[in-house]
Protein backbone atom coordinates (compact mmCIF):
# COMPACT_ATOMS: atom_id res chain seq x y z
CA UNK A 1 -14.15 -4.57 82.58
CA UNK A 2 -15.17 -6.30 79.07
CA UNK A 3 -13.13 -9.60 78.04
CA UNK A 4 -10.85 -9.44 75.33
CA UNK A 5 -12.41 -8.79 72.22
CA UNK A 6 -12.04 -11.21 69.22
CA UNK A 7 -8.69 -10.31 68.21
CA UNK A 8 -10.13 -10.68 64.33
CA UNK A 9 -12.18 -7.91 65.07
CA UNK A 10 -8.89 -5.88 64.72
CA UNK A 11 -8.25 -6.86 61.26
CA UNK A 12 -10.88 -4.77 59.78
CA UNK A 13 -9.30 -1.56 61.69
CA UNK A 14 -7.24 -0.95 58.29
CA UNK A 15 -10.63 -0.70 56.41
CA UNK A 16 -11.79 2.30 58.32
CA UNK A 17 -8.63 4.26 56.81
CA UNK A 18 -10.35 3.68 52.93
CA UNK A 19 -11.28 6.60 51.04
CA UNK A 20 -14.88 6.36 50.79
CA UNK A 21 -15.17 6.39 54.54
CA UNK A 22 -12.48 9.50 55.38
CA UNK A 23 -15.47 12.01 55.54
CA UNK A 24 -16.88 10.29 58.41
CA UNK A 25 -13.75 9.33 60.10
CA UNK A 26 -12.57 12.96 60.66
CA UNK A 27 -11.04 12.70 63.94
CA UNK A 28 -11.09 14.71 66.72
CA UNK A 29 -7.92 16.64 68.09
CA UNK A 30 -6.00 14.82 71.24
CA UNK A 31 -7.23 17.65 73.76
CA UNK A 32 -10.49 16.21 73.43
CA UNK A 33 -9.24 13.01 75.44
CA UNK A 34 -7.95 14.92 77.95
CA UNK A 35 -10.91 15.18 80.61
CA UNK A 36 -11.75 11.57 79.68
CA UNK A 37 -8.31 10.24 80.73
CA UNK A 38 -8.60 12.26 83.80
CA UNK A 39 -12.31 10.95 84.83
CA UNK A 40 -11.36 7.39 84.27
CA UNK A 41 -8.07 7.59 86.14
CA UNK A 42 -6.01 6.16 83.18
CA UNK A 43 -2.56 4.82 84.03
CA UNK A 44 -0.51 4.32 81.15
CA UNK A 45 2.05 2.30 82.44
CA UNK A 46 -0.40 -0.73 83.65
CA UNK A 47 -1.34 -3.06 80.19
CA UNK A 48 -5.01 -3.14 79.43
CA UNK A 49 -6.06 -6.34 80.88
CA UNK A 50 -3.33 -7.27 83.32
CA UNK A 51 -5.64 -7.76 86.40
CA UNK A 52 -8.11 -9.81 84.38
CA UNK A 53 -6.27 -12.75 83.38
CA UNK A 54 -6.42 -12.09 79.89
CA UNK A 55 -3.29 -11.38 77.44
CA UNK A 56 -3.37 -8.63 74.85
CA UNK A 57 -3.47 -9.25 71.26
CA UNK A 58 -1.31 -6.98 69.00
CA UNK A 59 -2.09 -6.84 65.60
CA UNK A 60 1.59 -5.97 63.47
CA UNK A 61 1.80 -5.13 60.22
CA UNK A 62 4.68 -3.59 58.10
CA UNK A 63 4.55 -1.55 55.05
CA UNK A 64 8.00 -1.18 53.40
CA UNK A 65 8.92 2.09 51.87
CA UNK A 66 12.61 1.30 50.87
CA UNK A 67 15.22 -1.35 50.97
CA UNK A 68 18.73 -1.40 49.85
CA UNK A 69 22.47 -1.04 50.59
CA UNK A 70 22.84 -4.83 51.26
CA UNK A 71 26.64 -5.12 52.49
CA UNK A 72 27.66 -8.67 51.83
CA UNK A 73 31.15 -7.51 53.87
CA UNK A 74 29.03 -6.33 57.36
CA UNK A 75 26.19 -8.69 56.19
CA UNK A 76 23.45 -6.25 56.98
CA UNK A 77 21.06 -4.27 54.85
CA UNK A 78 19.00 -1.00 55.22
CA UNK A 79 14.95 -0.94 55.81
CA UNK A 80 12.77 2.23 55.93
CA UNK A 81 9.50 1.35 56.96
CA UNK A 82 5.83 2.16 58.78
CA UNK A 83 5.46 -0.21 61.74
CA UNK A 84 1.68 -0.81 62.47
CA UNK A 85 0.32 -1.71 65.38
CA UNK A 86 -3.24 -2.22 66.41
CA UNK A 87 -4.98 -3.62 69.83
CA UNK A 88 -7.67 -2.77 72.37
CA UNK A 89 -7.55 -0.91 75.10
CA UNK A 90 -11.34 -1.12 76.96
CA UNK A 91 -10.35 1.89 79.10
CA UNK A 92 -10.20 3.86 76.51
CA UNK A 93 -13.86 3.32 74.94
CA UNK A 94 -14.30 7.07 75.00
CA UNK A 95 -17.89 6.74 72.88
CA UNK A 96 -17.25 9.84 70.83
CA UNK A 97 -18.70 9.82 67.54
CA UNK A 98 -15.30 9.92 65.62
CA UNK A 99 -11.86 8.90 66.43
CA UNK A 100 -9.18 10.71 68.30
CA UNK A 101 -5.85 11.32 66.66
CA UNK A 102 -3.03 11.34 68.55
CA UNK A 103 0.60 13.02 66.68
CA UNK A 104 1.92 14.61 69.49
CA UNK A 105 4.94 12.72 71.42
CA UNK A 106 4.48 14.85 74.59
CA UNK A 107 0.67 13.53 74.31
CA UNK A 108 1.84 9.78 73.22
CA UNK A 109 3.07 9.31 76.80
CA UNK A 110 -0.21 9.35 78.36
CA UNK A 111 -1.10 6.17 76.62
CA UNK A 112 -0.35 2.76 76.64
CA UNK A 113 1.60 1.48 74.17
CA UNK A 114 2.87 -2.31 73.58
CA UNK A 115 6.59 -2.51 73.61
CA UNK A 116 8.00 -3.93 70.01
CA UNK A 117 11.58 -4.03 69.04
CA UNK A 118 13.71 -5.32 66.27
CA UNK A 119 15.76 -8.09 67.59
CA UNK A 120 17.90 -8.41 64.84
CA UNK A 121 18.54 -4.94 63.86
CA UNK A 122 22.32 -3.24 64.64
CA UNK A 123 20.86 0.27 64.66
CA UNK A 124 17.32 1.75 64.55
CA UNK A 125 16.02 5.43 64.40
CA UNK A 126 12.82 7.06 64.33
CA UNK A 127 12.20 9.56 61.43
CA UNK A 128 12.09 12.96 63.09
CA UNK A 129 11.87 15.76 59.98
CA UNK A 130 10.04 17.93 60.20
CA UNK A 131 8.02 16.15 62.99
CA UNK A 132 8.47 12.58 64.70
CA UNK A 133 6.83 10.57 62.12
CA UNK A 134 3.68 8.89 63.97
CA UNK A 135 0.12 9.32 64.47
CA UNK A 136 -2.40 7.37 66.58
CA UNK A 137 -6.02 6.66 66.11
CA UNK A 138 -8.22 5.59 69.32
CA UNK A 139 -11.57 4.57 68.01
CA UNK A 140 -14.82 4.95 69.86
CA UNK A 141 -14.88 1.19 71.11
CA UNK A 142 -11.45 1.23 72.72
CA UNK A 143 -9.78 0.01 69.49
CA UNK A 144 -6.26 1.53 68.96
CA UNK A 145 -4.35 2.08 65.59
CA UNK A 146 -0.57 3.19 65.30
CA UNK A 147 1.70 3.80 62.97
CA UNK A 148 5.51 4.88 63.40
CA UNK A 149 8.24 5.38 60.63
CA UNK A 150 11.94 3.71 61.23
CA UNK A 151 14.68 3.27 59.76
CA UNK A 152 16.41 -0.28 60.12
CA UNK A 153 19.68 -1.55 59.66
CA UNK A 154 18.97 -5.33 60.39
CA UNK A 155 21.60 -8.44 59.97
CA UNK A 156 21.46 -10.91 57.24
CA UNK A 157 23.63 -13.45 58.65
CA UNK A 158 21.34 -15.89 57.30
CA UNK A 159 22.80 -15.29 53.88
CA UNK A 160 25.14 -17.98 52.59
CA UNK A 161 27.22 -17.38 49.41
CA UNK A 162 28.01 -20.95 48.09
CA UNK A 163 26.11 -19.76 44.69
CA UNK A 164 27.41 -16.14 44.65
CA UNK A 165 26.59 -14.16 42.45
CA UNK A 166 23.75 -16.84 41.42
CA UNK A 167 22.35 -17.00 44.92
CA UNK A 168 18.66 -16.68 46.19
CA UNK A 169 19.57 -14.67 49.49
CA UNK A 170 16.77 -14.60 52.09
CA UNK A 171 16.86 -11.69 54.82
CA UNK A 172 14.39 -11.85 57.68
CA UNK A 173 13.48 -8.82 60.19
CA UNK A 174 12.35 -9.89 63.58
CA UNK A 175 9.88 -8.00 65.62
CA UNK A 176 9.54 -8.98 69.46
CA UNK A 177 8.45 -7.60 72.76
CA UNK A 178 11.22 -6.01 75.21
CA UNK A 179 9.52 -6.55 78.49
CA UNK A 180 6.21 -8.49 78.42
CA UNK A 181 5.76 -11.87 78.19
CA UNK A 182 3.72 -13.60 75.66
CA UNK A 183 1.08 -14.39 78.67
CA UNK A 184 0.70 -10.38 78.98
CA UNK A 185 1.09 -9.23 75.36
CA UNK A 186 0.94 -11.37 72.08
CA UNK A 187 2.18 -10.37 68.70
CA UNK A 188 0.25 -11.43 65.87
CA UNK A 189 0.18 -10.75 61.98
CA UNK A 190 -2.64 -8.80 59.81
CA UNK A 191 -4.44 -11.93 58.84
CA UNK A 192 -4.23 -10.73 55.31
CA UNK A 193 -0.42 -10.80 54.08
CA UNK A 194 -1.22 -7.72 52.17
CA UNK A 195 -1.70 -5.87 55.51
CA UNK A 196 0.99 -8.09 57.32
CA UNK A 197 3.70 -6.85 54.86
CA UNK A 198 2.79 -4.14 52.33
CA UNK A 199 5.55 -3.09 49.69
CA UNK A 200 5.98 0.16 48.17
CA UNK A 201 4.94 -0.15 44.18
CA UNK A 202 7.76 1.75 43.62
CA UNK A 203 10.21 -0.30 45.84
CA UNK A 204 13.07 -1.10 43.51
CA UNK A 205 16.54 -2.96 45.32
CA UNK A 206 19.82 -2.50 43.13
CA UNK A 207 21.52 -6.11 42.19
CA UNK A 208 18.69 -7.60 43.43
CA UNK A 209 14.74 -8.44 42.85
CA UNK A 210 12.16 -9.17 45.87
CA UNK A 211 10.73 -12.63 44.63
CA UNK A 212 8.28 -12.74 47.61
CA UNK A 213 7.63 -12.13 51.47
CA UNK A 214 6.47 -14.45 54.03
CA UNK A 215 4.61 -13.48 57.13
CA UNK A 216 5.90 -15.85 60.27
CA UNK A 217 5.93 -16.27 63.72
CA UNK A 218 9.40 -16.87 65.78
CA UNK A 219 8.12 -17.27 69.16
CA UNK A 220 11.19 -17.92 71.89
CA UNK A 221 11.79 -17.45 75.61
CA UNK A 222 14.41 -15.85 77.64
CA UNK A 223 15.41 -16.67 81.43
CA UNK A 224 12.14 -14.18 82.45
CA UNK A 225 9.86 -16.12 80.43
CA UNK A 226 8.37 -16.69 77.17
CA UNK A 227 8.12 -13.96 74.46
CA UNK A 228 6.11 -13.08 71.30
CA UNK A 229 7.69 -12.86 67.87
CA UNK A 230 7.39 -12.07 64.56
CA UNK A 231 9.25 -12.57 61.57
CA UNK A 232 9.24 -11.11 58.21
CA UNK A 233 11.14 -12.81 55.57
CA UNK A 234 12.28 -11.25 51.91
CA UNK A 235 13.06 -13.80 49.29
CA UNK A 236 15.49 -12.30 46.95
CA UNK A 237 17.10 -13.33 43.66
CA UNK A 238 20.30 -11.73 42.60
CA UNK A 239 20.37 -10.09 39.04
CA UNK A 240 23.32 -11.24 36.96
CA UNK A 241 23.31 -7.83 34.75
CA UNK A 242 26.11 -6.26 37.08
CA UNK A 243 28.21 -9.03 37.25
CA UNK A 244 27.94 -10.18 33.79
CA UNK A 245 29.23 -6.36 32.55
CA UNK A 246 31.97 -6.33 35.46
CA UNK A 247 33.01 -9.78 35.79
CA UNK A 248 32.12 -12.55 33.57
CA UNK A 249 32.87 -10.75 30.33
CA UNK A 250 35.60 -8.96 30.96
CA UNK A 251 37.17 -12.26 32.50
CA UNK A 252 36.08 -14.75 29.42
CA UNK A 253 37.96 -11.70 27.07
CA UNK A 254 41.04 -12.21 29.30
CA UNK A 255 40.91 -15.96 28.74
CA UNK A 256 40.09 -15.72 25.13
CA UNK A 257 42.57 -13.45 24.29
CA UNK A 258 45.58 -15.42 26.64
CA UNK A 259 44.63 -18.44 23.91
CA UNK A 260 46.20 -16.10 21.09
CA UNK A 261 49.69 -17.15 22.22
CA UNK A 262 49.09 -20.21 20.79
CA UNK A 263 48.42 -18.76 17.41
CA UNK A 264 51.37 -16.39 17.48
CA UNK A 265 54.70 -17.61 15.77
CA UNK A 266 57.49 -19.53 17.55
CA UNK A 267 59.98 -17.26 17.27
CA UNK A 268 57.64 -14.60 18.48
CA UNK A 269 59.11 -15.15 22.43
CA UNK A 270 58.13 -11.66 23.79
CA UNK A 271 54.32 -11.79 22.48
CA UNK A 272 53.99 -15.53 23.82
CA UNK A 273 55.14 -14.74 27.33
CA UNK A 274 53.76 -11.27 27.75
CA UNK A 275 50.43 -11.86 26.25
CA UNK A 276 49.50 -14.58 29.22
CA UNK A 277 51.78 -12.57 31.85
CA UNK A 278 49.64 -9.39 31.19
CA UNK A 279 46.22 -11.30 31.01
CA UNK A 280 47.37 -13.22 34.38
CA UNK A 281 47.79 -9.99 36.33
CA UNK A 282 44.71 -8.72 34.83
CA UNK A 283 42.76 -11.63 36.15
CA UNK A 284 44.09 -11.50 39.58
CA UNK A 285 43.48 -7.57 39.85
CA UNK A 286 39.95 -8.60 38.70
CA UNK A 287 39.57 -11.16 41.49
CA UNK A 288 40.77 -8.85 44.18
CA UNK A 289 38.42 -6.37 42.87
CA UNK A 290 35.43 -8.86 43.06
CA UNK A 291 36.37 -10.12 46.46
CA UNK A 292 36.43 -6.73 48.11
CA UNK A 293 32.83 -6.56 49.22
CA UNK A 294 32.44 -10.13 50.53
CA UNK A 295 32.78 -11.77 53.61
CA UNK A 296 35.65 -13.89 54.61
CA UNK A 297 34.01 -17.27 54.60
CA UNK A 298 35.10 -20.80 55.06
CA UNK A 299 33.65 -22.31 52.18
CA UNK A 300 34.21 -21.99 48.88
CA UNK A 301 32.00 -19.86 46.47
CA UNK A 302 30.76 -19.95 43.04
CA UNK A 303 32.68 -16.75 42.18
CA UNK A 304 35.74 -18.47 43.28
CA UNK A 305 35.50 -21.46 40.86
CA UNK A 306 35.43 -18.69 38.36
CA UNK A 307 38.03 -17.01 39.08
CA UNK A 308 40.23 -20.24 40.04
CA UNK A 309 39.16 -21.53 36.65
CA UNK A 310 40.25 -18.37 34.40
CA UNK A 311 43.49 -18.31 36.73
CA UNK A 312 44.65 -21.19 36.08
CA UNK A 313 43.61 -21.75 32.31
CA UNK A 314 45.94 -18.15 32.10
CA UNK A 315 48.53 -19.87 34.03
CA UNK A 316 48.59 -23.09 32.04
CA UNK A 317 48.70 -21.02 28.70
CA UNK A 318 51.74 -19.32 29.92
CA UNK A 319 53.54 -22.85 30.89
CA UNK A 320 52.36 -24.09 27.25
CA UNK A 321 54.01 -21.03 25.97
CA UNK A 322 56.96 -21.36 28.02
CA UNK A 323 57.17 -25.14 26.53
CA UNK A 324 57.18 -24.20 23.35
CA UNK A 325 59.62 -21.66 23.48
CA UNK A 326 61.99 -24.10 25.58
CA UNK A 327 61.42 -26.69 22.37
CA UNK A 328 62.29 -24.09 19.76
CA UNK A 329 65.14 -23.02 21.68
CA UNK A 330 66.70 -26.62 21.52
CA UNK A 331 65.99 -26.81 18.03
CA UNK A 332 67.63 -23.62 17.21
CA UNK A 333 70.85 -24.59 19.39
CA UNK A 334 71.04 -27.70 17.53
CA UNK A 335 70.65 -26.30 14.39
CA UNK A 336 73.41 -23.17 15.06
CA UNK A 337 76.01 -25.97 16.69
CA UNK A 338 75.64 -28.18 13.25
CA UNK A 339 76.18 -24.62 11.75
CA UNK A 340 78.97 -23.86 13.42
CA UNK A 341 80.99 -27.63 13.37
CA UNK A 342 79.92 -28.79 10.02
CA UNK A 343 83.41 -29.23 9.02
CA UNK A 344 84.28 -31.26 12.17
CA UNK A 345 81.24 -33.20 12.41
CA UNK A 346 80.44 -36.52 10.17
CA UNK A 347 77.60 -36.34 7.98
CA UNK A 348 76.22 -39.13 9.88
CA UNK A 349 76.36 -36.87 13.22
CA UNK A 350 75.23 -34.05 11.50
CA UNK A 351 72.21 -35.96 10.33
CA UNK A 352 71.06 -37.28 13.61
CA UNK A 353 71.39 -33.58 15.26
CA UNK A 354 69.49 -32.37 12.54
CA UNK A 355 66.50 -34.94 12.69
CA UNK A 356 66.78 -34.30 16.77
CA UNK A 357 66.40 -30.42 15.91
CA UNK A 358 63.70 -30.92 13.64
CA UNK A 359 61.95 -33.43 16.36
CA UNK A 360 61.64 -30.61 18.99
CA UNK A 361 60.20 -27.89 16.26
CA UNK A 362 57.70 -30.20 15.17
CA UNK A 363 56.89 -31.50 18.85
CA UNK A 364 56.40 -27.62 19.34
CA UNK A 365 54.26 -27.30 16.23
CA UNK A 366 52.31 -30.15 17.23
CA UNK A 367 51.86 -29.02 21.13
CA UNK A 368 50.62 -25.52 19.46
CA UNK A 369 48.08 -27.37 17.32
CA UNK A 370 46.78 -29.39 20.05
CA UNK A 371 46.23 -26.35 22.55
CA UNK A 372 44.47 -24.81 19.19
CA UNK A 373 41.81 -27.31 19.69
CA UNK A 374 41.68 -28.37 23.59
CA UNK A 375 41.68 -24.96 24.64
CA UNK A 376 38.06 -23.78 23.35
CA UNK A 377 36.97 -27.26 24.48
CA UNK A 378 38.20 -27.06 28.17
CA UNK A 379 36.58 -23.35 28.05
CA UNK A 380 33.25 -24.92 26.72
CA UNK A 381 33.09 -27.88 29.03
CA UNK A 382 33.97 -25.60 32.26
CA UNK A 383 31.13 -22.79 30.86
CA UNK A 384 28.43 -26.15 31.01
CA UNK A 385 29.68 -27.44 34.25
CA UNK A 386 29.55 -23.88 35.72
CA UNK A 387 26.24 -22.88 34.77
CA UNK A 388 24.36 -26.05 34.70
CA UNK A 389 26.22 -27.81 38.34
CA UNK A 390 27.66 -25.32 40.29
CA UNK A 391 25.45 -22.58 40.08
CA UNK A 392 22.91 -24.76 40.34
CA UNK A 393 20.94 -26.59 43.48
CA UNK A 394 20.61 -25.19 46.86
CA UNK A 395 22.07 -22.33 48.57
CA UNK A 396 24.03 -24.01 51.06
CA UNK A 397 25.07 -26.95 49.25
CA UNK A 398 28.60 -26.29 49.46
CA UNK A 399 28.00 -26.64 53.24
CA UNK A 400 26.18 -29.85 53.12
CA UNK A 401 29.33 -31.18 50.97
């Protein structure tokens, strides 16, 4: 038995599928391999190099067809991908002039295969319409290439929402061996990143954009031994278009609308109260709607600070409107009291009461004038702090604090 080939040799296996070589690589059908398997007494249950003190290097690659449905409430997402594997089995050096194509599941059981699993996937299924979506090439020198299409729902538990919706989430997809320890089967990425993780050119992710990908290693151990593990990391960036249209612009309009109350006449009591009250209820409904899809986490998110400020601001305008109404009520009450008792009170007392009435009226007017200036200042200061402090920095900065 020959020793294991240099694993770098498997990296070139994808080049054999180039269009320039397709005519010379037209494969034989799987039936061509049946007499050969009987002749060499091939055992599909035994790894190729189990009894030769050598481990099997399995090259792994992903061809991502689609990603989406990022559910923050359940912290998972969907992936539709082709799983590529290449390994060397010297027992299958058939010596034919061309490779053998296997695309029948019944025949696939006759060949030993690695046992990769998606460690952090909640659910995984094969594409079976109209056939089980897979194919395997066995090359004359014993190199094997297998491609199978799977649908996955991995967890995204490493997403931290401190800066949501200004966060840059990172999602991972882990591939490990189910039963073979790393001294029997060793998983490795294809050396080239474009072969390790290949993305569909038409790949679009709603609300997110894919910034970068990284092929990494996550080898670990269990009670039964050390196991090989690979991890694909997807670095994403959340797009703000949806949140601008559905959250930021509507809530800011509500905030500005609540500011109108200070421009209304003091005697317009119903308008002052109902403007602020209506806007406050609208913001509460908007806040609940925006947070419905978010998980219940123990830290404060950027969107919580946004809605906390806007709700507090509107509530403050409502309190200011009540204060002005109360001051005007005191002023009008004193004035009416003087008018009703003009014959009973002395001129001095009436003068004192009218001065007090005028004081309350001027205080209310001054309060309105002050708020006409301070309200936009508060809003602008908050927007600056929110845009340049709260939404900047590391995604986990709220946990560090």
